[in-house]
Amino acid sequence: MDAIARFEQLLAQGRDNALLRFGLGQAYLKAGRARQAVEHLRQAVKHNPDYSAAWQVLGQALTALQQPEQALQAYESGIAVAQRKGDVQASKVMQVLSKRVRKSQIVE
């Protein structure tokens, strides 16, 4: 049984929480299924708005779906959370990712 199937099974059993949704989102994104990733990552940050890693992966999934405005919003939310929590590394990573999104919009 792969990661997605295991996570989906846990979700079906009623174990819905931010960590499970984050895991599902990551697994779907890794599998190239960004639309499903976004669905679960949005639920992860709904469960826990202070989950900076979920904001980061949500931004990546939205970027994969070519939704730059929404990706930037996710990164901005994640950066704010990371800075508030003192997570300097997460903040820096999302700043770099958001700059890439902005650059890609200028080039196109």
C-alpha atoms as a PDB file:
ATOM      1  CA  MET A   1       0.000   0.000   0.000  1.00  0.00           C
ATOM      2  CA  ASP A   2       1.477   3.345  -0.998  1.00  0.00           C
ATOM      3  CA  ALA A   3       1.545   6.503   1.132  1.00  0.00           C
ATOM      4  CA  ILE A   4      -1.508   8.040  -0.501  1.00  0.00           C
ATOM      5  CA  ALA A   5      -3.584   4.908   0.081  1.00  0.00           C
ATOM      6  CA  ARG A   6      -2.467   4.706   3.724  1.00  0.00           C
ATOM      7  CA  PHE A   7      -3.245   8.363   4.352  1.00  0.00           C
ATOM      8  CA  GLU A   8      -6.607   8.128   2.579  1.00  0.00           C
ATOM      9  CA  GLN A   9      -7.444   5.075   4.707  1.00  0.00           C
ATOM     10  CA  LEU A  10      -6.686   7.028   7.904  1.00  0.00           C
ATOM     11  CA  LEU A  11      -8.806   9.920   6.650  1.00  0.00           C
ATOM     12  CA  ALA A  12     -11.673   7.530   5.894  1.00  0.00           C
ATOM     13  CA  GLN A  13     -11.409   6.259   9.477  1.00  0.00           C
ATOM     14  CA  GLY A  14     -12.097   9.778  10.720  1.00  0.00           C
ATOM     15  CA  ARG A  15      -8.564  10.754  11.706  1.00  0.00           C
ATOM     16  CA  ASP A  16      -8.743  14.153  10.058  1.00  0.00           C
ATOM     17  CA  ASN A  17      -6.082  16.561  11.303  1.00  0.00           C
ATOM     18  CA  ALA A  18      -3.492  19.017  10.009  1.00  0.00           C
ATOM     19  CA  LEU A  19      -0.614  16.535   9.982  1.00  0.00           C
ATOM     20  CA  LEU A  20      -2.572  13.904   8.053  1.00  0.00           C
ATOM     21  CA  ARG A  21      -3.770  16.462   5.504  1.00  0.00           C
ATOM     22  CA  PHE A  22      -0.206  17.779   5.154  1.00  0.00           C
ATOM     23  CA  GLY A  23       1.084  14.257   4.516  1.00  0.00           C
ATOM     24  CA  LEU A  24      -1.620  13.637   1.934  1.00  0.00           C
ATOM     25  CA  GLY A  25      -0.912  16.958   0.236  1.00  0.00           C
ATOM     26  CA  GLN A  26       2.803  16.233   0.053  1.00  0.00           C
ATOM     27  CA  ALA A  27       2.207  12.723  -1.281  1.00  0.00           C
ATOM     28  CA  TYR A  28      -0.205  13.942  -3.965  1.00  0.00           C
ATOM     29  CA  LEU A  29       2.189  16.709  -5.036  1.00  0.00           C
ATOM     30  CA  LYS A  30       5.068  14.237  -5.233  1.00  0.00           C
ATOM     31  CA  ALA A  31       2.851  11.993  -7.386  1.00  0.00           C
ATOM     32  CA  GLY A  32       2.202  14.891  -9.782  1.00  0.00           C
ATOM     33  CA  ARG A  33      -1.395  15.348  -8.647  1.00  0.00           C
ATOM     34  CA  ALA A  34      -1.249  19.008  -7.641  1.00  0.00           C
ATOM     35  CA  ARG A  35      -5.011  19.567  -7.691  1.00  0.00           C
ATOM     36  CA  GLN A  36      -5.583  16.913  -5.011  1.00  0.00           C
ATOM     37  CA  ALA A  37      -2.567  18.250  -3.108  1.00  0.00           C
ATOM     38  CA  VAL A  38      -4.102  21.725  -2.956  1.00  0.00           C
ATOM     39  CA  GLU A  39      -7.368  20.330  -1.618  1.00  0.00           C
ATOM     40  CA  HIS A  40      -5.648  18.578   1.290  1.00  0.00           C
ATOM     41  CA  LEU A  41      -3.148  21.345   2.004  1.00  0.00           C
ATOM     42  CA  ARG A  42      -5.969  23.894   2.225  1.00  0.00           C
ATOM     43  CA  GLN A  43      -7.575  21.629   4.813  1.00  0.00           C
ATOM     44  CA  ALA A  44      -4.255  21.350   6.686  1.00  0.00           C
ATOM     45  CA  VAL A  45      -3.969  25.123   7.087  1.00  0.00           C
ATOM     46  CA  LYS A  46      -7.652  25.303   7.947  1.00  0.00           C
ATOM     47  CA  HIS A  47      -7.015  22.852  10.808  1.00  0.00           C
ATOM     48  CA  ASN A  48      -3.850  24.705  11.846  1.00  0.00           C
ATOM     49  CA  PRO A  49      -3.298  28.186  10.366  1.00  0.00           C
ATOM     50  CA  ASP A  50       0.153  28.280  12.034  1.00  0.00           C
ATOM     51  CA  TYR A  51       1.482  25.296  10.038  1.00  0.00           C
ATOM     52  CA  SER A  52       4.186  27.055   8.023  1.00  0.00           C
ATOM     53  CA  ALA A  53       5.317  23.886   6.214  1.00  0.00           C
ATOM     54  CA  ALA A  54       1.771  23.344   4.954  1.00  0.00           C
ATOM     55  CA  TRP A  55       1.651  26.918   3.637  1.00  0.00           C
ATOM     56  CA  GLN A  56       4.938  26.295   1.822  1.00  0.00           C
ATOM     57  CA  VAL A  57       3.817  23.082   0.127  1.00  0.00           C
ATOM     58  CA  LEU A  58       0.443  24.692  -0.687  1.00  0.00           C
ATOM     59  CA  GLY A  59       2.346  27.460  -2.484  1.00  0.00           C
ATOM     60  CA  GLN A  60       4.342  24.859  -4.399  1.00  0.00           C
ATOM     61  CA  ALA A  61       1.195  22.978  -5.412  1.00  0.00           C
ATOM     62  CA  LEU A  62      -0.492  26.185  -6.571  1.00  0.00           C
ATOM     63  CA  THR A  63       2.626  27.080  -8.538  1.00  0.00           C
ATOM     64  CA  ALA A  64       2.471  23.656 -10.196  1.00  0.00           C
ATOM     65  CA  LEU A  65      -1.137  24.439 -11.178  1.00  0.00           C
ATOM     66  CA  GLN A  66       0.022  27.755 -12.661  1.00  0.00           C
ATOM     67  CA  GLN A  67      -1.939  29.813 -10.146  1.00  0.00           C
ATOM     68  CA  PRO A  68       0.749  32.363  -9.248  1.00  0.00           C
ATOM     69  CA  GLU A  69      -1.484  34.840  -7.402  1.00  0.00           C
ATOM     70  CA  GLN A  70      -2.807  32.154  -5.074  1.00  0.00           C
ATOM     71  CA  ALA A  71       0.690  30.706  -4.652  1.00  0.00           C
ATOM     72  CA  LEU A  72       1.999  34.117  -3.594  1.00  0.00           C
ATOM     73  CA  GLN A  73      -0.848  34.463  -1.094  1.00  0.00           C
ATOM     74  CA  ALA A  74       0.036  31.065   0.394  1.00  0.00           C
ATOM     75  CA  TYR A  75       3.709  31.984   0.622  1.00  0.00           C
ATOM     76  CA  GLU A  76       2.894  35.341   2.225  1.00  0.00           C
ATOM     77  CA  SER A  77       0.714  33.618   4.827  1.00  0.00           C
ATOM     78  CA  GLY A  78       3.450  31.068   5.460  1.00  0.00           C
ATOM     79  CA  ILE A  79       6.155  33.722   5.762  1.00  0.00           C
ATOM     80  CA  ALA A  80       4.058  35.640   8.296  1.00  0.00           C
ATOM     81  CA  VAL A  81       3.509  32.468  10.346  1.00  0.00           C
ATOM     82  CA  ALA A  82       7.173  31.464  10.164  1.00  0.00           C
ATOM     83  CA  GLN A  83       8.362  34.911  11.212  1.00  0.00           C
ATOM     84  CA  ARG A  84       5.892  35.040  14.090  1.00  0.00           C
ATOM     85  CA  LYS A  85       7.091  31.622  15.283  1.00  0.00           C
ATOM     86  CA  GLY A  86      10.763  32.467  14.798  1.00  0.00           C
ATOM     87  CA  ASP A  87      11.229  29.828  12.076  1.00  0.00           C
ATOM     88  CA  VAL A  88      13.866  31.719  10.114  1.00  0.00           C
ATOM     89  CA  GLN A  89      14.693  28.904   7.685  1.00  0.00           C
ATOM     90  CA  ALA A  90      11.083  28.329   6.609  1.00  0.00           C
ATOM     91  CA  SER A  91      10.642  32.062   6.112  1.00  0.00           C
ATOM     92  CA  LYS A  92      13.761  32.257   3.930  1.00  0.00           C
ATOM     93  CA  VAL A  93      12.722  29.280   1.809  1.00  0.00           C
ATOM     94  CA  MET A  94       9.267  30.724   1.145  1.00  0.00           C
ATOM     95  CA  GLN A  95      10.761  34.129   0.334  1.00  0.00           C
ATOM     96  CA  VAL A  96      12.960  32.486  -2.304  1.00  0.00           C
ATOM     97  CA  LEU A  97      10.013  30.524  -3.716  1.00  0.00           C
ATOM     98  CA  SER A  98       7.822  33.636  -3.876  1.00  0.00           C
ATOM     99  CA  LYS A  99      10.581  35.543  -5.697  1.00  0.00           C
ATOM    100  CA  ARG A 100      10.720  32.749  -8.277  1.00  0.00           C
ATOM    101  CA  VAL A 101       6.971  32.999  -8.817  1.00  0.00           C
ATOM    102  CA  ARG A 102       7.196  36.784  -9.227  1.00  0.00           C
ATOM    103  CA  LYS A 103      10.083  36.432 -11.709  1.00  0.00           C
ATOM    104  CA  SER A 104       8.183  33.861 -13.768  1.00  0.00           C
ATOM    105  CA  GLN A 105       5.251  36.248 -14.062  1.00  0.00           C
ATOM    106  CA  ILE A 106       7.493  39.033 -15.405  1.00  0.00           C
ATOM    107  CA  VAL A 107       9.171  36.767 -17.956  1.00  0.00           C
ATOM    108  CA  GLU A 108       5.963  35.332 -19.408  1.00  0.00           C
END
